[in-house]
């Protein structure tokens, strides 16, 4: 995901201290997630607040980023292409944190790694479908 940040500015000017305080507090609340900084000055019987803050833009670079921007994130263990390492009896070896995948570098990936675009492509074209599991009472 490509992330870029840039600085923005906002100016508040009021003659009444009460109105100035109310506008400043509202603006600071609105910008609370943008790291606001304030510089207050006085000129011509007016109070002036210069607020600087940071805006951040995120843009998707691949299909996984498109899904993550919608708060959907899968790991390799969620993918049907991931094959866990098995014990001799055929059950998954829970101590081993990696598994096999034909799309991973060298055919091996960690199960909690961010999945590659292959799973998202399979989801998009309908080859893989999500199913809501019914809970037993």
C-alpha atoms as a PDB file:
ATOM      1  CA  UNK A   1       0.000   0.000   0.000  1.00  0.00           C
ATOM      2  CA  UNK A   2       1.285   3.420  -0.907  1.00  0.00           C
ATOM      3  CA  UNK A   3       0.958   5.978   1.912  1.00  0.00           C
ATOM      4  CA  UNK A   4       1.644   9.680   1.523  1.00  0.00           C
ATOM      5  CA  UNK A   5       1.295  12.420   4.132  1.00  0.00           C
ATOM      6  CA  UNK A   6       1.201  16.162   3.714  1.00  0.00           C
ATOM      7  CA  UNK A   7       0.677  19.161   5.981  1.00  0.00           C
ATOM      8  CA  UNK A   8      -2.480  21.274   5.886  1.00  0.00           C
ATOM      9  CA  UNK A   9      -3.436  24.514   7.647  1.00  0.00           C
ATOM     10  CA  UNK A  10      -6.591  26.002   9.115  1.00  0.00           C
ATOM     11  CA  UNK A  11      -7.044  29.536  10.493  1.00  0.00           C
ATOM     12  CA  UNK A  12      -9.657  30.619  13.038  1.00  0.00           C
ATOM     13  CA  UNK A  13     -10.261  34.321  13.742  1.00  0.00           C
ATOM     14  CA  UNK A  14     -12.762  35.652  16.280  1.00  0.00           C
ATOM     15  CA  UNK A  15     -13.144  38.817  18.345  1.00  0.00           C
ATOM     16  CA  UNK A  16     -15.072  37.197  21.173  1.00  0.00           C
ATOM     17  CA  UNK A  17     -12.981  34.895  23.428  1.00  0.00           C
ATOM     18  CA  UNK A  18     -15.994  32.628  23.987  1.00  0.00           C
ATOM     19  CA  UNK A  19     -16.674  32.178  20.262  1.00  0.00           C
ATOM     20  CA  UNK A  20     -12.950  31.733  19.620  1.00  0.00           C
ATOM     21  CA  UNK A  21     -12.669  29.027  22.281  1.00  0.00           C
ATOM     22  CA  UNK A  22     -15.758  27.228  21.005  1.00  0.00           C
ATOM     23  CA  UNK A  23     -14.566  27.219  17.362  1.00  0.00           C
ATOM     24  CA  UNK A  24     -11.024  26.234  18.332  1.00  0.00           C
ATOM     25  CA  UNK A  25     -12.171  23.357  20.535  1.00  0.00           C
ATOM     26  CA  UNK A  26     -14.531  22.083  17.833  1.00  0.00           C
ATOM     27  CA  UNK A  27     -11.826  22.228  15.158  1.00  0.00           C
ATOM     28  CA  UNK A  28      -9.279  20.516  17.446  1.00  0.00           C
ATOM     29  CA  UNK A  29     -11.806  17.756  18.139  1.00  0.00           C
ATOM     30  CA  UNK A  30     -12.472  17.305  14.402  1.00  0.00           C
ATOM     31  CA  UNK A  31      -8.724  17.079  13.709  1.00  0.00           C
ATOM     32  CA  UNK A  32      -7.819  14.943  16.751  1.00  0.00           C
ATOM     33  CA  UNK A  33      -6.581  12.036  14.594  1.00  0.00           C
ATOM     34  CA  UNK A  34      -4.465  14.292  12.389  1.00  0.00           C
ATOM     35  CA  UNK A  35      -1.873  15.452  14.965  1.00  0.00           C
ATOM     36  CA  UNK A  36      -2.986  19.110  15.153  1.00  0.00           C
ATOM     37  CA  UNK A  37      -0.641  21.841  16.410  1.00  0.00           C
ATOM     38  CA  UNK A  38      -1.891  25.314  17.339  1.00  0.00           C
ATOM     39  CA  UNK A  39      -0.265  28.734  17.411  1.00  0.00           C
ATOM     40  CA  UNK A  40      -2.427  31.477  18.950  1.00  0.00           C
ATOM     41  CA  UNK A  41      -1.800  35.177  18.314  1.00  0.00           C
ATOM     42  CA  UNK A  42      -3.684  38.434  18.864  1.00  0.00           C
ATOM     43  CA  UNK A  43      -4.120  41.207  16.295  1.00  0.00           C
ATOM     44  CA  UNK A  44      -6.574  44.099  15.877  1.00  0.00           C
ATOM     45  CA  UNK A  45      -8.699  43.050  18.880  1.00  0.00           C
ATOM     46  CA  UNK A  46      -9.073  39.547  17.372  1.00  0.00           C
ATOM     47  CA  UNK A  47      -7.791  36.188  18.499  1.00  0.00           C
ATOM     48  CA  UNK A  48      -6.184  34.150  15.716  1.00  0.00           C
ATOM     49  CA  UNK A  49      -5.434  30.427  15.835  1.00  0.00           C
ATOM     50  CA  UNK A  50      -3.214  28.885  13.188  1.00  0.00           C
ATOM     51  CA  UNK A  51      -3.720  25.136  13.178  1.00  0.00           C
ATOM     52  CA  UNK A  52      -1.403  22.835  11.261  1.00  0.00           C
ATOM     53  CA  UNK A  53      -2.255  19.163  10.840  1.00  0.00           C
ATOM     54  CA  UNK A  54      -1.269  16.122   8.803  1.00  0.00           C
ATOM     55  CA  UNK A  55      -3.437  14.535   6.112  1.00  0.00           C
ATOM     56  CA  UNK A  56      -2.652  10.980   5.028  1.00  0.00           C
ATOM     57  CA  UNK A  57      -3.695   9.324   1.768  1.00  0.00           C
ATOM     58  CA  UNK A  58      -3.560   5.611   1.141  1.00  0.00           C
ATOM     59  CA  UNK A  59      -3.681   4.090  -2.318  1.00  0.00           C
ATOM     60  CA  UNK A  60      -3.765   0.428  -3.259  1.00  0.00           C
ATOM     61  CA  UNK A  61      -0.827  -1.048  -5.142  1.00  0.00           C
ATOM     62  CA  UNK A  62      -2.210  -4.556  -5.527  1.00  0.00           C
ATOM     63  CA  UNK A  63      -5.425  -6.544  -5.107  1.00  0.00           C
ATOM     64  CA  UNK A  64      -4.650  -7.391  -1.460  1.00  0.00           C
ATOM     65  CA  UNK A  65      -4.428  -3.658  -0.705  1.00  0.00           C
ATOM     66  CA  UNK A  66      -7.866  -3.079  -2.255  1.00  0.00           C
ATOM     67  CA  UNK A  67      -9.380  -5.634   0.136  1.00  0.00           C
ATOM     68  CA  UNK A  68      -7.388  -4.354   3.134  1.00  0.00           C
ATOM     69  CA  UNK A  69      -8.715  -0.836   2.531  1.00  0.00           C
ATOM     70  CA  UNK A  70     -12.155  -2.403   3.109  1.00  0.00           C
ATOM     71  CA  UNK A  71     -10.882  -4.025   6.361  1.00  0.00           C
ATOM     72  CA  UNK A  72     -10.662  -7.508   4.836  1.00  0.00           C
ATOM     73  CA  UNK A  73      -7.338  -9.206   5.571  1.00  0.00           C
ATOM     74  CA  UNK A  74      -6.480 -12.841   5.019  1.00  0.00           C
ATOM     75  CA  UNK A  75      -3.399 -14.812   5.977  1.00  0.00           C
ATOM     76  CA  UNK A  76      -1.877 -17.773   4.184  1.00  0.00           C
ATOM     77  CA  UNK A  77      -3.584 -20.241   6.535  1.00  0.00           C
ATOM     78  CA  UNK A  78      -6.958 -18.908   5.272  1.00  0.00           C
ATOM     79  CA  UNK A  79      -6.114 -19.862   1.683  1.00  0.00           C
ATOM     80  CA  UNK A  80      -7.045 -23.263   0.195  1.00  0.00           C
ATOM     81  CA  UNK A  81      -3.643 -23.339  -1.577  1.00  0.00           C
ATOM     82  CA  UNK A  82      -1.843 -23.469   1.795  1.00  0.00           C
ATOM     83  CA  UNK A  83      -0.886 -26.998   2.821  1.00  0.00           C
ATOM     84  CA  UNK A  84       0.187 -27.346   6.474  1.00  0.00           C
ATOM     85  CA  UNK A  85       3.010 -29.671   7.493  1.00  0.00           C
ATOM     86  CA  UNK A  86       1.481 -32.952   8.672  1.00  0.00           C
ATOM     87  CA  UNK A  87       2.361 -35.411  11.413  1.00  0.00           C
ATOM     88  CA  UNK A  88       2.853 -39.082  10.603  1.00  0.00           C
ATOM     89  CA  UNK A  89      -0.799 -39.764  11.477  1.00  0.00           C
ATOM     90  CA  UNK A  90      -1.965 -37.146   8.926  1.00  0.00           C
ATOM     91  CA  UNK A  91      -3.009 -34.460  11.401  1.00  0.00           C
ATOM     92  CA  UNK A  92      -1.589 -30.908  11.057  1.00  0.00           C
ATOM     93  CA  UNK A  93       1.587 -30.340  13.074  1.00  0.00           C
ATOM     94  CA  UNK A  94       0.601 -27.347  15.222  1.00  0.00           C
ATOM     95  CA  UNK A  95       4.187 -26.689  16.340  1.00  0.00           C
ATOM     96  CA  UNK A  96       5.310 -25.872  12.792  1.00  0.00           C
ATOM     97  CA  UNK A  97       4.527 -22.269  11.821  1.00  0.00           C
ATOM     98  CA  UNK A  98       4.979 -22.672   8.067  1.00  0.00           C
ATOM     99  CA  UNK A  99       3.464 -24.739   5.294  1.00  0.00           C
ATOM    100  CA  UNK A 100       3.646 -25.426   1.574  1.00  0.00           C
ATOM    101  CA  UNK A 101       2.247 -23.183  -1.144  1.00  0.00           C
ATOM    102  CA  UNK A 102       2.869 -23.452  -4.860  1.00  0.00           C
ATOM    103  CA  UNK A 103       2.631 -19.651  -5.220  1.00  0.00           C
ATOM    104  CA  UNK A 104       5.103 -18.756  -2.443  1.00  0.00           C
ATOM    105  CA  UNK A 105       8.805 -18.151  -2.974  1.00  0.00           C
ATOM    106  CA  UNK A 106      10.599 -21.497  -2.711  1.00  0.00           C
ATOM    107  CA  UNK A 107       7.205 -23.211  -2.188  1.00  0.00           C
ATOM    108  CA  UNK A 108       7.054 -22.368   1.524  1.00  0.00           C
ATOM    109  CA  UNK A 109       5.307 -19.661   3.555  1.00  0.00           C
ATOM    110  CA  UNK A 110       4.439 -18.873   7.162  1.00  0.00           C
ATOM    111  CA  UNK A 111       0.818 -19.524   8.005  1.00  0.00           C
ATOM    112  CA  UNK A 112       0.307 -16.061   9.535  1.00  0.00           C
ATOM    113  CA  UNK A 113       1.871 -14.193   6.585  1.00  0.00           C
ATOM    114  CA  UNK A 114      -0.250 -11.802   4.569  1.00  0.00           C
ATOM    115  CA  UNK A 115      -1.691 -13.853   1.736  1.00  0.00           C
ATOM    116  CA  UNK A 116      -0.712 -13.089  -1.838  1.00  0.00           C
ATOM    117  CA  UNK A 117      -2.985 -11.779  -4.577  1.00  0.00           C
ATOM    118  CA  UNK A 118      -3.800 -15.347  -5.675  1.00  0.00           C
ATOM    119  CA  UNK A 119      -6.436 -15.813  -2.929  1.00  0.00           C
ATOM    120  CA  UNK A 120      -8.034 -12.451  -3.728  1.00  0.00           C
ATOM    121  CA  UNK A 121      -8.072 -13.302  -7.441  1.00  0.00           C
ATOM    122  CA  UNK A 122      -9.722 -16.654  -6.688  1.00  0.00           C
ATOM    123  CA  UNK A 123     -12.284 -14.882  -4.500  1.00  0.00           C
ATOM    124  CA  UNK A 124     -12.992 -12.283  -7.162  1.00  0.00           C
ATOM    125  CA  UNK A 125     -13.506 -14.784 -10.000  1.00  0.00           C
ATOM    126  CA  UNK A 126     -15.652 -17.100  -7.838  1.00  0.00           C
ATOM    127  CA  UNK A 127     -13.296 -20.104  -7.685  1.00  0.00           C
ATOM    128  CA  UNK A 128     -13.087 -19.698  -3.891  1.00  0.00           C
ATOM    129  CA  UNK A 129     -16.162 -18.672  -1.915  1.00  0.00           C
ATOM    130  CA  UNK A 130     -16.581 -17.532   1.656  1.00  0.00           C
ATOM    131  CA  UNK A 131     -19.148 -19.413   3.717  1.00  0.00           C
ATOM    132  CA  UNK A 132     -20.649 -18.346   7.003  1.00  0.00           C
ATOM    133  CA  UNK A 133     -20.423 -21.250   9.402  1.00  0.00           C
ATOM    134  CA  UNK A 134     -23.567 -22.046  11.346  1.00  0.00           C
ATOM    135  CA  UNK A 135     -23.022 -22.277  15.068  1.00  0.00           C
ATOM    136  CA  UNK A 136     -24.505 -25.250  16.870  1.00  0.00           C
ATOM    137  CA  UNK A 137     -26.615 -24.490  19.941  1.00  0.00           C
END
